[in-house]
Amino acid sequence: MQRSGIEWTDYTANPLRARNRRTGAVGHYCEHMSRGCQNCYAEGWNARTRGGYGTGLPYRPSSLDELELFVDGGVLAEVRGRRKPCRLFWCSMTDLALHVYSDSFRDEVLDVIDATPHITHQVLTKRPEALGAYLARRYAGRPLPASLWVGATVEDQDQADRRLPALRGIPAAVRWLSCEPLLEAVRLDLDGVRWVVVGGESGAGRGREGVHQAAGRQRHRGDGRAPADRLQGQGHRPLAGGSSRARVPLISPRRPVDSRPAPAPRRGGARSGTPRAG
């Protein structure tokens, strides 16, 4: 569990780990899923093996034969032992729904989420169909934890069309989108989506277009409203005019845009009406 510089969360927790069988170096593993993975920041960090961190291998299926996947119980214990509310982004270096992780691995994470309702738990995936299927198996008709926010990454129109319907099928208390990296203008139907984060690419080889240029071309629904309580923009690449960061509304909301991250939930669960950035 580490303090995070990501604007919309407080901490990250990465218990799904990978060990290089040859060198013993420990890092993470994931696989490219779509265009948004091309300049993956996590893969870059994992490949550098600086300071003893990272397996030194790319996020490719060919790396699996050289890796041992495991759950870091120390990370889970640290989260379980936290008593103060906070916003926690799970598996920022990989994807909880990745097919190489067994349900037993995922269960260890969800056991901690179930046991810590005072923490707002953010889970973000490029595989909402797989995550939704797992959650349905685990909870078998029981409600998902109220503190669990389930999000999907949408970087272009193709993935918006694929992932949004799958995300809506997950009965999470808060469903959210990360349009980061936002690679093109997209048309979004935000019914059932409570929170949207917008940003540009941050990895090596990132595109040159400023996030405000893409976001500024967003097209909204005919009524000019979005069923989102809060929309937040952030950029991680240089923008026109020399600014390195920007906050840009993705779509015209029916309420004034509040670009600050929403607060963590109060003890006892989230109130209705306004979501909390977890």
Protein backbone atom coordinates (compact mmCIF):
# COMPACT_ATOMS: atom_id res chain seq x y z
CA MET A 1 0.00 0.00 0.00
CA GLN A 2 1.62 3.20 -1.19
CA ARG A 3 0.73 6.87 -1.08
CA SER A 4 -0.27 7.83 -4.61
CA GLY A 5 0.33 10.89 -6.75
CA ILE A 6 -2.77 10.07 -8.81
CA GLU A 7 -5.18 12.97 -8.34
CA TRP A 8 -8.30 10.86 -7.83
CA THR A 9 -7.04 8.48 -5.18
CA ASP A 10 -5.00 8.46 -1.97
CA TYR A 11 -3.23 5.11 -2.06
CA THR A 12 -2.53 2.23 -4.40
CA ALA A 13 -2.37 -1.44 -3.43
CA ASN A 14 -0.78 -4.05 -5.69
CA PRO A 15 -0.96 -7.50 -4.10
CA LEU A 16 -0.94 -9.39 -7.42
CA ARG A 17 2.75 -9.87 -8.04
CA ALA A 18 5.13 -11.68 -10.36
CA ARG A 19 8.61 -13.06 -9.68
CA ASN A 20 11.23 -13.58 -12.38
CA ARG A 21 12.20 -17.25 -11.97
CA ARG A 22 15.72 -16.65 -13.26
CA THR A 23 16.70 -13.47 -11.43
CA GLY A 24 14.32 -13.48 -8.48
CA ALA A 25 13.27 -9.89 -9.29
CA VAL A 26 9.72 -9.12 -8.20
CA GLY A 27 7.29 -6.90 -10.09
CA HIS A 28 4.02 -7.39 -11.91
CA TYR A 29 2.45 -8.94 -14.98
CA CYS A 30 -0.31 -7.86 -17.34
CA GLU A 31 -1.16 -8.20 -21.05
CA HIS A 32 -1.98 -5.67 -23.72
CA MET A 33 -5.71 -5.52 -24.36
CA SER A 34 -6.31 -2.58 -26.69
CA ARG A 35 -4.87 0.66 -28.09
CA GLY A 36 -4.70 2.24 -24.65
CA CYS A 37 -2.07 -0.31 -23.61
CA GLN A 38 0.44 0.69 -26.27
CA ASN A 39 2.40 3.08 -24.05
CA CYS A 40 1.64 1.46 -20.69
CA TYR A 41 3.36 3.28 -17.82
CA ALA A 42 3.19 0.19 -15.60
CA GLU A 43 4.96 -1.96 -18.18
CA GLY A 44 7.72 0.63 -18.45
CA TRP A 45 8.28 0.67 -14.70
CA ASN A 46 8.17 -3.09 -14.50
CA ALA A 47 10.77 -3.48 -17.25
CA ARG A 48 13.36 -1.14 -15.72
CA THR A 49 14.13 -3.19 -12.56
CA ARG A 50 15.49 -0.10 -10.85
CA GLY A 51 16.09 -0.33 -7.13
CA GLY A 52 15.16 -3.99 -7.14
CA TYR A 53 11.66 -3.30 -8.44
CA GLY A 54 10.25 -4.90 -11.58
CA THR A 55 10.64 -8.29 -13.25
CA GLY A 56 12.52 -6.87 -16.23
CA LEU A 57 10.09 -8.57 -18.60
CA PRO A 58 7.46 -7.08 -20.93
CA TYR A 59 3.72 -7.46 -20.45
CA ARG A 60 3.49 -10.18 -23.09
CA PRO A 61 2.22 -13.80 -22.91
CA SER A 62 5.72 -14.95 -23.85
CA SER A 63 6.91 -13.74 -20.44
CA LEU A 64 4.66 -16.10 -18.49
CA ASP A 65 7.00 -19.09 -18.73
CA GLU A 66 9.63 -17.03 -16.92
CA LEU A 67 7.35 -15.80 -14.15
CA GLU A 68 5.83 -17.08 -10.93
CA LEU A 69 2.58 -15.30 -10.05
CA PHE A 70 1.66 -14.89 -6.40
CA VAL A 71 -0.39 -12.82 -3.95
CA ASP A 72 1.57 -10.55 -1.62
CA GLY A 73 -0.07 -11.15 1.74
CA GLY A 74 1.82 -8.25 3.29
CA VAL A 75 0.01 -5.75 1.05
CA LEU A 76 -3.36 -7.28 1.97
CA ALA A 77 -2.52 -7.19 5.67
CA GLU A 78 -1.58 -3.53 5.45
CA VAL A 79 -4.92 -2.62 3.86
CA ARG A 80 -6.84 -4.80 6.31
CA GLY A 81 -5.11 -3.10 9.21
CA ARG A 82 -5.89 0.46 8.10
CA ARG A 83 -8.45 2.09 10.39
CA LYS A 84 -8.89 5.51 8.77
CA PRO A 85 -11.08 6.11 5.69
CA CYS A 86 -9.22 6.70 2.46
CA ARG A 87 -9.48 6.21 -1.30
CA LEU A 88 -7.65 3.09 -2.45
CA PHE A 89 -6.92 2.14 -6.06
CA TRP A 90 -6.40 -1.62 -6.38
CA CYS A 91 -4.04 -3.27 -8.86
CA SER A 92 -2.80 -0.08 -10.51
CA MET A 93 0.04 -2.07 -12.12
CA THR A 94 -2.12 -4.82 -13.62
CA ASP A 95 -5.78 -5.82 -14.05
CA LEU A 96 -7.68 -7.76 -11.39
CA ALA A 97 -9.76 -9.38 -14.15
CA LEU A 98 -6.77 -10.62 -16.16
CA HIS A 99 -7.29 -14.25 -17.16
CA VAL A 100 -4.01 -15.47 -15.66
CA TYR A 101 -5.22 -14.74 -12.13
CA SER A 102 -7.36 -17.42 -10.54
CA ASP A 103 -10.55 -16.71 -8.63
CA SER A 104 -8.66 -17.67 -5.48
CA PHE A 105 -6.27 -14.76 -6.10
CA ARG A 106 -9.18 -12.40 -6.65
CA ASP A 107 -10.99 -13.76 -3.59
CA GLU A 108 -8.07 -12.74 -1.39
CA VAL A 109 -8.46 -9.16 -2.60
CA LEU A 110 -12.25 -9.13 -2.24
CA ASP A 111 -12.05 -10.65 1.24
CA VAL A 112 -10.12 -7.55 2.29
CA ILE A 113 -12.56 -5.26 0.51
CA ASP A 114 -15.46 -6.94 2.32
CA ALA A 115 -13.68 -6.49 5.65
CA THR A 116 -12.90 -2.76 5.23
CA PRO A 117 -16.13 -0.89 4.41
CA HIS A 118 -14.67 2.37 5.72
CA ILE A 119 -12.29 2.46 2.74
CA THR A 120 -13.53 3.40 -0.72
CA HIS A 121 -12.15 0.68 -2.99
CA GLN A 122 -11.53 1.63 -6.63
CA VAL A 123 -11.14 -1.21 -9.12
CA LEU A 124 -10.43 -0.31 -12.75
CA THR A 125 -10.42 -2.82 -15.59
CA LYS A 126 -10.16 -3.10 -19.34
CA ARG A 127 -12.04 -6.41 -19.00
CA PRO A 128 -15.45 -5.54 -17.49
CA GLU A 129 -17.07 -8.69 -18.88
CA ALA A 130 -14.61 -10.90 -17.03
CA LEU A 131 -14.78 -8.82 -13.84
CA GLY A 132 -18.57 -8.84 -13.90
CA ALA A 133 -18.63 -12.62 -14.33
CA TYR A 134 -16.27 -13.09 -11.40
CA LEU A 135 -18.27 -10.79 -9.11
CA ALA A 136 -21.46 -12.64 -10.04
CA ARG A 137 -19.82 -15.94 -9.08
CA ARG A 138 -18.47 -14.59 -5.82
CA TYR A 139 -21.55 -12.80 -4.55
CA ALA A 140 -24.16 -15.12 -6.14
CA GLY A 141 -27.05 -12.67 -5.96
CA ARG A 142 -25.89 -10.90 -2.79
CA PRO A 143 -25.21 -7.16 -3.00
CA LEU A 144 -21.71 -6.04 -3.80
CA PRO A 145 -19.95 -4.07 -1.05
CA ALA A 146 -21.23 -0.49 -0.96
CA SER A 147 -17.64 0.74 -0.76
CA LEU A 148 -16.62 -0.95 -4.02
CA TRP A 149 -16.38 1.31 -7.07
CA VAL A 150 -16.08 -0.59 -10.35
CA GLY A 151 -14.62 1.27 -13.32
CA ALA A 152 -13.75 0.57 -16.93
CA THR A 153 -11.12 2.21 -19.12
CA VAL A 154 -12.45 3.81 -22.30
CA GLU A 155 -9.78 5.25 -24.57
CA ASP A 156 -11.59 5.41 -27.92
CA GLN A 157 -15.02 4.91 -29.49
CA ASP A 158 -14.50 1.21 -30.14
CA GLN A 159 -13.79 0.47 -26.50
CA ALA A 160 -16.61 2.74 -25.33
CA ASP A 161 -19.02 0.69 -27.43
CA ARG A 162 -17.58 -2.58 -26.10
CA ARG A 163 -16.99 -1.83 -22.44
CA LEU A 164 -19.82 0.50 -21.41
CA PRO A 165 -22.59 -2.13 -21.81
CA ALA A 166 -20.54 -4.64 -19.82
CA LEU A 167 -19.87 -2.08 -17.08
CA ARG A 168 -23.58 -1.30 -16.78
CA GLY A 169 -24.21 -4.98 -16.15
CA ILE A 170 -22.17 -4.89 -12.93
CA PRO A 171 -24.42 -3.97 -9.96
CA ALA A 172 -21.82 -1.82 -8.21
CA ALA A 173 -22.84 1.05 -5.95
CA VAL A 174 -20.75 3.33 -8.18
CA ARG A 175 -19.77 2.63 -11.76
CA TRP A 176 -17.13 4.91 -13.24
CA LEU A 177 -15.03 5.50 -16.32
CA SER A 178 -11.39 6.30 -16.83
CA CYS A 179 -10.99 7.97 -20.21
CA GLU A 180 -7.26 7.83 -19.77
CA PRO A 181 -5.47 7.75 -22.08
CA LEU A 182 -8.09 9.55 -24.14
CA LEU A 183 -6.93 8.89 -27.71
CA GLU A 184 -9.81 10.38 -29.71
CA ALA A 185 -13.13 12.11 -29.36
CA VAL A 186 -15.84 9.69 -28.27
CA ARG A 187 -19.61 9.66 -27.94
CA LEU A 188 -20.58 8.44 -24.47
CA ASP A 189 -23.95 7.49 -23.06
CA LEU A 190 -23.31 7.90 -19.35
CA ASP A 191 -26.52 6.34 -18.08
CA GLY A 192 -25.59 4.38 -14.99
CA VAL A 193 -22.14 6.00 -14.73
CA ARG A 194 -21.52 8.20 -11.71
CA TRP A 195 -17.98 9.48 -12.22
CA VAL A 196 -15.61 10.09 -15.13
CA VAL A 197 -11.87 10.75 -15.12
CA VAL A 198 -10.24 12.17 -18.25
CA GLY A 199 -6.54 12.23 -19.05
CA GLY A 200 -3.86 11.93 -21.70
CA GLU A 201 -1.16 9.32 -22.07
CA SER A 202 1.61 9.21 -19.48
CA GLY A 203 3.92 6.41 -20.63
CA ALA A 204 6.99 6.53 -22.85
CA GLY A 205 6.12 7.16 -26.49
CA ARG A 206 2.86 8.87 -25.57
CA GLY A 207 0.97 10.76 -28.24
CA ARG A 208 1.51 14.44 -28.85
CA GLU A 209 -2.08 15.65 -28.77
CA GLY A 210 -3.01 17.49 -25.58
CA VAL A 211 -5.86 15.98 -23.60
CA HIS A 212 -7.80 19.22 -23.87
CA GLN A 213 -7.76 18.92 -27.64
CA ALA A 214 -9.39 15.50 -27.56
CA ALA A 215 -11.73 16.24 -24.69
CA GLY A 216 -12.76 19.51 -26.25
CA ARG A 217 -14.24 17.59 -29.15
CA GLN A 218 -16.45 15.40 -26.98
CA ARG A 219 -20.01 15.07 -28.22
CA HIS A 220 -22.77 14.84 -25.66
CA ARG A 221 -26.27 13.43 -25.72
CA GLY A 222 -29.00 15.41 -27.43
CA ASP A 223 -30.28 16.91 -24.18
CA GLY A 224 -26.81 18.19 -23.27
CA ARG A 225 -26.83 16.40 -19.92
CA ALA A 226 -24.84 13.57 -18.40
CA PRO A 227 -26.06 11.39 -15.52
CA ALA A 228 -22.77 11.93 -13.70
CA ASP A 229 -22.43 13.67 -10.36
CA ARG A 230 -18.80 14.60 -10.81
CA LEU A 231 -16.51 14.78 -13.78
CA GLN A 232 -12.80 15.23 -13.44
CA GLY A 233 -10.07 15.84 -15.96
CA GLN A 234 -6.36 15.41 -15.66
CA GLY A 235 -3.54 15.52 -18.19
CA HIS A 236 -0.11 13.97 -17.91
CA ARG A 237 1.48 15.28 -21.07
CA PRO A 238 2.41 18.76 -22.28
CA LEU A 239 -0.48 20.87 -23.48
CA ALA A 240 -0.54 23.80 -25.85
CA GLY A 241 0.62 26.95 -24.08
CA GLY A 242 3.19 25.16 -21.94
CA SER A 243 0.89 23.83 -19.21
CA SER A 244 1.70 20.27 -18.15
CA ARG A 245 -1.67 19.56 -16.51
CA ALA A 246 -5.25 20.46 -17.28
CA ARG A 247 -8.74 19.84 -15.95
CA VAL A 248 -11.27 19.41 -18.70
CA PRO A 249 -14.94 18.44 -18.40
CA LEU A 250 -15.61 15.42 -20.59
CA ILE A 251 -19.23 16.24 -21.25
CA SER A 252 -21.77 18.87 -20.28
CA PRO A 253 -23.08 17.74 -16.88
CA ARG A 254 -26.47 18.59 -15.48
CA ARG A 255 -24.69 19.93 -12.39
CA PRO A 256 -21.74 22.33 -12.25
CA VAL A 257 -18.48 20.52 -12.75
CA ASP A 258 -16.51 19.93 -9.55
CA SER A 259 -13.06 18.87 -10.68
CA ARG A 260 -11.87 18.02 -7.19
CA PRO A 261 -11.75 14.35 -6.23
CA ALA A 262 -14.84 13.40 -4.24
CA PRO A 263 -14.23 12.68 -0.53
CA ALA A 264 -13.89 9.21 0.92
CA PRO A 265 -17.06 7.71 2.46
CA ARG A 266 -17.96 8.20 6.06
CA ARG A 267 -17.81 5.24 8.37
CA GLY A 268 -20.89 3.15 7.86
CA GLY A 269 -21.02 3.44 4.08
CA ALA A 270 -21.51 5.99 1.34
CA ARG A 271 -24.40 8.40 1.40
CA SER A 272 -26.74 8.47 -1.53
CA GLY A 273 -26.53 11.23 -4.10
CA THR A 274 -22.84 12.05 -4.34
CA PRO A 275 -20.19 9.42 -5.07
CA ARG A 276 -16.82 9.37 -3.41
CA ALA A 277 -13.49 8.97 -5.14
CA GLY A 278 -12.00 5.86 -3.66
